[in-house]
Structure formats: C-alpha cells, structure tokens
Amino acid sequence: MREKSPSELIDARIEELGDWRGETLARLRALIKEADPEVTEEWKWRGVPTWYHAGMLFTGETYKKSVKMTFAKGAALDDPKGLFTSSLDGNVRRAIDFHEGGAIDEAGLKDLIRAAVALNVSG
C-alpha cells in the first residue's frame, strides 16, 4: 500500500477537522499557494502541516480554539500590519493565531508570506 503524500495528509487533516478550523487551514493553505506557487508541503512531527521554500517557512497547527500559523523566522520579518499575535518575545519564531469567526487580512498575510520566502531565498 502506497504511503500518502504530505499534500494528501493535509487534505485528510482538513477533512477530519470538519469545522471552522478545517476551513481556516484550507484558506491559509490556498493563500500560501497563491503567494508562493513554488511552495512545497511536508507533514512533520506526527501531524503538523509544514510549508517550505529554500527552507522551512511556517507550520499550520490546529488546536481546539485556534489555528496557529507559526513563521519559522518570523522575528526577522517586518510586520507592518501587526499580524503576529503569538510568540512575540521569541528570538526566532512568530505566530498568528486565527480564531473562529475572525477575519484574515489576506493581502497582509500574502505580503508576510512573500517576505518569508524572500528571507529564505536570500540565505
């Protein structure tokens, strides 16, 4: 039996959540792919969707009350729209917590995604 690809595992996670968290993760995934068509998907740490381009970009963790998008090098990124809401004291990572019914600043998020890609590509 063939092992599922990371993309298939992420599809399954979205479907198994079956609520606003799955919808949010699916929307974030679509925005990631729109912002960076060359992004690759991985399945890490026994069930965490993870996106890469010239290194790790971010993870998409799901919790009972939030979907957390953690930027691997978020502390090095400018955040002019103030999207980061979590891990603000860390030296490396920054995260955005999305909650049920909350809006996603799609343009701002895409800008942040592109900045993360640019940072990875620049070395």
C-alpha atoms as a PDB file:
ATOM      1  CA  MET A   1       0.000   0.000   0.000  1.00  0.00           C
ATOM      2  CA  ARG A   2       1.339   3.403  -1.032  1.00  0.00           C
ATOM      3  CA  GLU A   3       2.104   5.949   1.650  1.00  0.00           C
ATOM      4  CA  LYS A   4       0.113   9.157   1.421  1.00  0.00           C
ATOM      5  CA  SER A   5       1.933  12.264   0.236  1.00  0.00           C
ATOM      6  CA  PRO A   6       2.218  15.258   2.567  1.00  0.00           C
ATOM      7  CA  SER A   7      -0.406  17.067   0.471  1.00  0.00           C
ATOM      8  CA  GLU A   8      -2.797  14.128   0.817  1.00  0.00           C
ATOM      9  CA  LEU A   9      -2.210  14.047   4.589  1.00  0.00           C
ATOM     10  CA  ILE A  10      -3.001  17.770   4.792  1.00  0.00           C
ATOM     11  CA  ASP A  11      -6.161  17.212   2.724  1.00  0.00           C
ATOM     12  CA  ALA A  12      -7.163  14.482   5.182  1.00  0.00           C
ATOM     13  CA  ARG A  13      -6.490  16.729   8.208  1.00  0.00           C
ATOM     14  CA  ILE A  14      -8.682  19.483   6.752  1.00  0.00           C
ATOM     15  CA  GLU A  15     -11.459  16.976   6.105  1.00  0.00           C
ATOM     16  CA  GLU A  16     -11.194  15.277   9.506  1.00  0.00           C
ATOM     17  CA  LEU A  17     -11.428  18.603  11.346  1.00  0.00           C
ATOM     18  CA  GLY A  18     -14.740  19.219   9.584  1.00  0.00           C
ATOM     19  CA  ASP A  19     -15.347  22.600  11.208  1.00  0.00           C
ATOM     20  CA  TRP A  20     -14.144  26.204  11.104  1.00  0.00           C
ATOM     21  CA  ARG A  21     -10.584  25.024  11.855  1.00  0.00           C
ATOM     22  CA  GLY A  22     -10.515  22.889   8.713  1.00  0.00           C
ATOM     23  CA  GLU A  23     -11.964  25.756   6.690  1.00  0.00           C
ATOM     24  CA  THR A  24      -9.362  28.144   8.123  1.00  0.00           C
ATOM     25  CA  LEU A  25      -6.471  25.759   7.470  1.00  0.00           C
ATOM     26  CA  ALA A  26      -7.729  25.242   3.900  1.00  0.00           C
ATOM     27  CA  ARG A  27      -7.974  29.020   3.360  1.00  0.00           C
ATOM     28  CA  LEU A  28      -4.472  29.592   4.768  1.00  0.00           C
ATOM     29  CA  ARG A  29      -3.141  26.839   2.524  1.00  0.00           C
ATOM     30  CA  ALA A  30      -4.749  28.456  -0.532  1.00  0.00           C
ATOM     31  CA  LEU A  31      -3.281  31.855   0.385  1.00  0.00           C
ATOM     32  CA  ILE A  32       0.168  30.304   0.857  1.00  0.00           C
ATOM     33  CA  LYS A  33      -0.018  28.741  -2.618  1.00  0.00           C
ATOM     34  CA  GLU A  34      -1.276  31.996  -4.155  1.00  0.00           C
ATOM     35  CA  ALA A  35       1.557  33.958  -2.553  1.00  0.00           C
ATOM     36  CA  ASP A  36       4.199  31.355  -3.468  1.00  0.00           C
ATOM     37  CA  PRO A  37       3.273  28.909  -6.229  1.00  0.00           C
ATOM     38  CA  GLU A  38       6.632  27.140  -5.729  1.00  0.00           C
ATOM     39  CA  VAL A  39       5.974  26.279  -2.070  1.00  0.00           C
ATOM     40  CA  THR A  40       6.254  22.612  -1.085  1.00  0.00           C
ATOM     41  CA  GLU A  41       4.261  20.862   1.618  1.00  0.00           C
ATOM     42  CA  GLU A  42       5.576  18.495   4.270  1.00  0.00           C
ATOM     43  CA  TRP A  43       3.975  16.570   7.131  1.00  0.00           C
ATOM     44  CA  LYS A  44       6.157  16.919  10.237  1.00  0.00           C
ATOM     45  CA  TRP A  45       6.168  15.896  13.880  1.00  0.00           C
ATOM     46  CA  ARG A  46       3.400  13.312  13.553  1.00  0.00           C
ATOM     47  CA  GLY A  47       0.830  15.591  12.049  1.00  0.00           C
ATOM     48  CA  VAL A  48       1.805  19.210  11.515  1.00  0.00           C
ATOM     49  CA  PRO A  49       1.349  20.675   8.020  1.00  0.00           C
ATOM     50  CA  THR A  50       4.586  22.487   7.168  1.00  0.00           C
ATOM     51  CA  TRP A  51       5.479  24.620   4.159  1.00  0.00           C
ATOM     52  CA  TYR A  52       8.939  25.046   2.632  1.00  0.00           C
ATOM     53  CA  HIS A  53      10.728  27.169   0.055  1.00  0.00           C
ATOM     54  CA  ALA A  54      14.533  27.270   0.362  1.00  0.00           C
ATOM     55  CA  GLY A  55      13.995  26.088   3.948  1.00  0.00           C
ATOM     56  CA  MET A  56      11.101  25.947   6.374  1.00  0.00           C
ATOM     57  CA  LEU A  57       8.630  28.812   6.079  1.00  0.00           C
ATOM     58  CA  PHE A  58       5.814  28.025   8.512  1.00  0.00           C
ATOM     59  CA  THR A  59       3.618  25.433  10.148  1.00  0.00           C
ATOM     60  CA  GLY A  60      -0.163  25.230  10.382  1.00  0.00           C
ATOM     61  CA  GLU A  61      -1.075  23.784  13.752  1.00  0.00           C
ATOM     62  CA  THR A  62      -4.682  23.210  14.782  1.00  0.00           C
ATOM     63  CA  TYR A  63      -5.888  23.460  18.365  1.00  0.00           C
ATOM     64  CA  LYS A  64      -9.315  23.351  19.981  1.00  0.00           C
ATOM     65  CA  LYS A  65      -9.782  27.133  19.897  1.00  0.00           C
ATOM     66  CA  SER A  66      -7.329  28.276  17.228  1.00  0.00           C
ATOM     67  CA  VAL A  67      -5.386  27.608  14.072  1.00  0.00           C
ATOM     68  CA  LYS A  68      -1.803  28.788  14.548  1.00  0.00           C
ATOM     69  CA  MET A  69       0.443  29.739  11.649  1.00  0.00           C
ATOM     70  CA  THR A  70       3.986  29.811  13.010  1.00  0.00           C
ATOM     71  CA  PHE A  71       6.632  31.531  10.875  1.00  0.00           C
ATOM     72  CA  ALA A  72       9.986  29.786  11.344  1.00  0.00           C
ATOM     73  CA  LYS A  73      11.953  33.051  11.016  1.00  0.00           C
ATOM     74  CA  GLY A  74       9.153  35.431  11.934  1.00  0.00           C
ATOM     75  CA  ALA A  75      11.252  37.544  14.291  1.00  0.00           C
ATOM     76  CA  ALA A  76      13.374  38.609  11.303  1.00  0.00           C
ATOM     77  CA  LEU A  77      10.350  39.816   9.307  1.00  0.00           C
ATOM     78  CA  ASP A  78       8.818  43.269   9.261  1.00  0.00           C
ATOM     79  CA  ASP A  79       5.159  43.076  10.285  1.00  0.00           C
ATOM     80  CA  PRO A  80       3.746  46.477   9.275  1.00  0.00           C
ATOM     81  CA  LYS A  81       0.131  45.285   9.614  1.00  0.00           C
ATOM     82  CA  GLY A  82       0.691  43.803  13.076  1.00  0.00           C
ATOM     83  CA  LEU A  83      -0.465  40.332  12.083  1.00  0.00           C
ATOM     84  CA  PHE A  84       1.733  38.422  14.529  1.00  0.00           C
ATOM     85  CA  THR A  85      -0.206  37.684  17.712  1.00  0.00           C
ATOM     86  CA  SER A  86       1.850  34.988  19.424  1.00  0.00           C
ATOM     87  CA  SER A  87       5.460  34.094  20.307  1.00  0.00           C
ATOM     88  CA  LEU A  88       6.248  37.814  20.260  1.00  0.00           C
ATOM     89  CA  ASP A  89       9.042  37.526  22.815  1.00  0.00           C
ATOM     90  CA  GLY A  90      10.924  34.800  20.955  1.00  0.00           C
ATOM     91  CA  ASN A  91      14.204  35.392  19.164  1.00  0.00           C
ATOM     92  CA  VAL A  92      13.308  33.394  16.048  1.00  0.00           C
ATOM     93  CA  ARG A  93       9.665  32.399  15.547  1.00  0.00           C
ATOM     94  CA  ARG A  94       6.482  34.452  15.399  1.00  0.00           C
ATOM     95  CA  ALA A  95       2.937  33.181  15.026  1.00  0.00           C
ATOM     96  CA  ILE A  96      -0.536  34.306  14.047  1.00  0.00           C
ATOM     97  CA  ASP A  97      -3.482  32.796  15.915  1.00  0.00           C
ATOM     98  CA  PHE A  98      -6.710  32.558  13.931  1.00  0.00           C
ATOM     99  CA  HIS A  99      -9.950  32.115  15.882  1.00  0.00           C
ATOM    100  CA  GLU A 100     -13.469  31.097  14.922  1.00  0.00           C
ATOM    101  CA  GLY A 101     -15.254  33.937  13.141  1.00  0.00           C
ATOM    102  CA  GLY A 102     -12.093  36.032  12.878  1.00  0.00           C
ATOM    103  CA  ALA A 103     -11.173  37.780   9.654  1.00  0.00           C
ATOM    104  CA  ILE A 104      -7.995  37.019   7.733  1.00  0.00           C
ATOM    105  CA  ASP A 105      -6.114  40.014   6.323  1.00  0.00           C
ATOM    106  CA  GLU A 106      -5.447  38.157   3.082  1.00  0.00           C
ATOM    107  CA  ALA A 107      -3.362  40.867   1.394  1.00  0.00           C
ATOM    108  CA  GLY A 108      -1.293  41.452   4.538  1.00  0.00           C
ATOM    109  CA  LEU A 109      -0.781  37.725   5.055  1.00  0.00           C
ATOM    110  CA  LYS A 110       0.346  37.224   1.454  1.00  0.00           C
ATOM    111  CA  ASP A 111       2.851  40.070   1.892  1.00  0.00           C
ATOM    112  CA  LEU A 112       4.193  38.373   5.028  1.00  0.00           C
ATOM    113  CA  ILE A 113       4.394  35.014   3.217  1.00  0.00           C
ATOM    114  CA  ARG A 114       6.322  36.599   0.341  1.00  0.00           C
ATOM    115  CA  ALA A 115       8.666  38.282   2.815  1.00  0.00           C
ATOM    116  CA  ALA A 116       9.322  34.909   4.499  1.00  0.00           C
ATOM    117  CA  VAL A 117      10.112  33.352   1.111  1.00  0.00           C
ATOM    118  CA  ALA A 118      12.424  36.242   0.209  1.00  0.00           C
ATOM    119  CA  LEU A 119      14.248  35.877   3.533  1.00  0.00           C
ATOM    120  CA  ASN A 120      14.797  32.134   2.954  1.00  0.00           C
ATOM    121  CA  VAL A 121      15.904  32.618  -0.642  1.00  0.00           C
ATOM    122  CA  SER A 122      18.370  35.366   0.343  1.00  0.00           C
ATOM    123  CA  GLY A 123      20.182  32.852   2.534  1.00  0.00           C
END
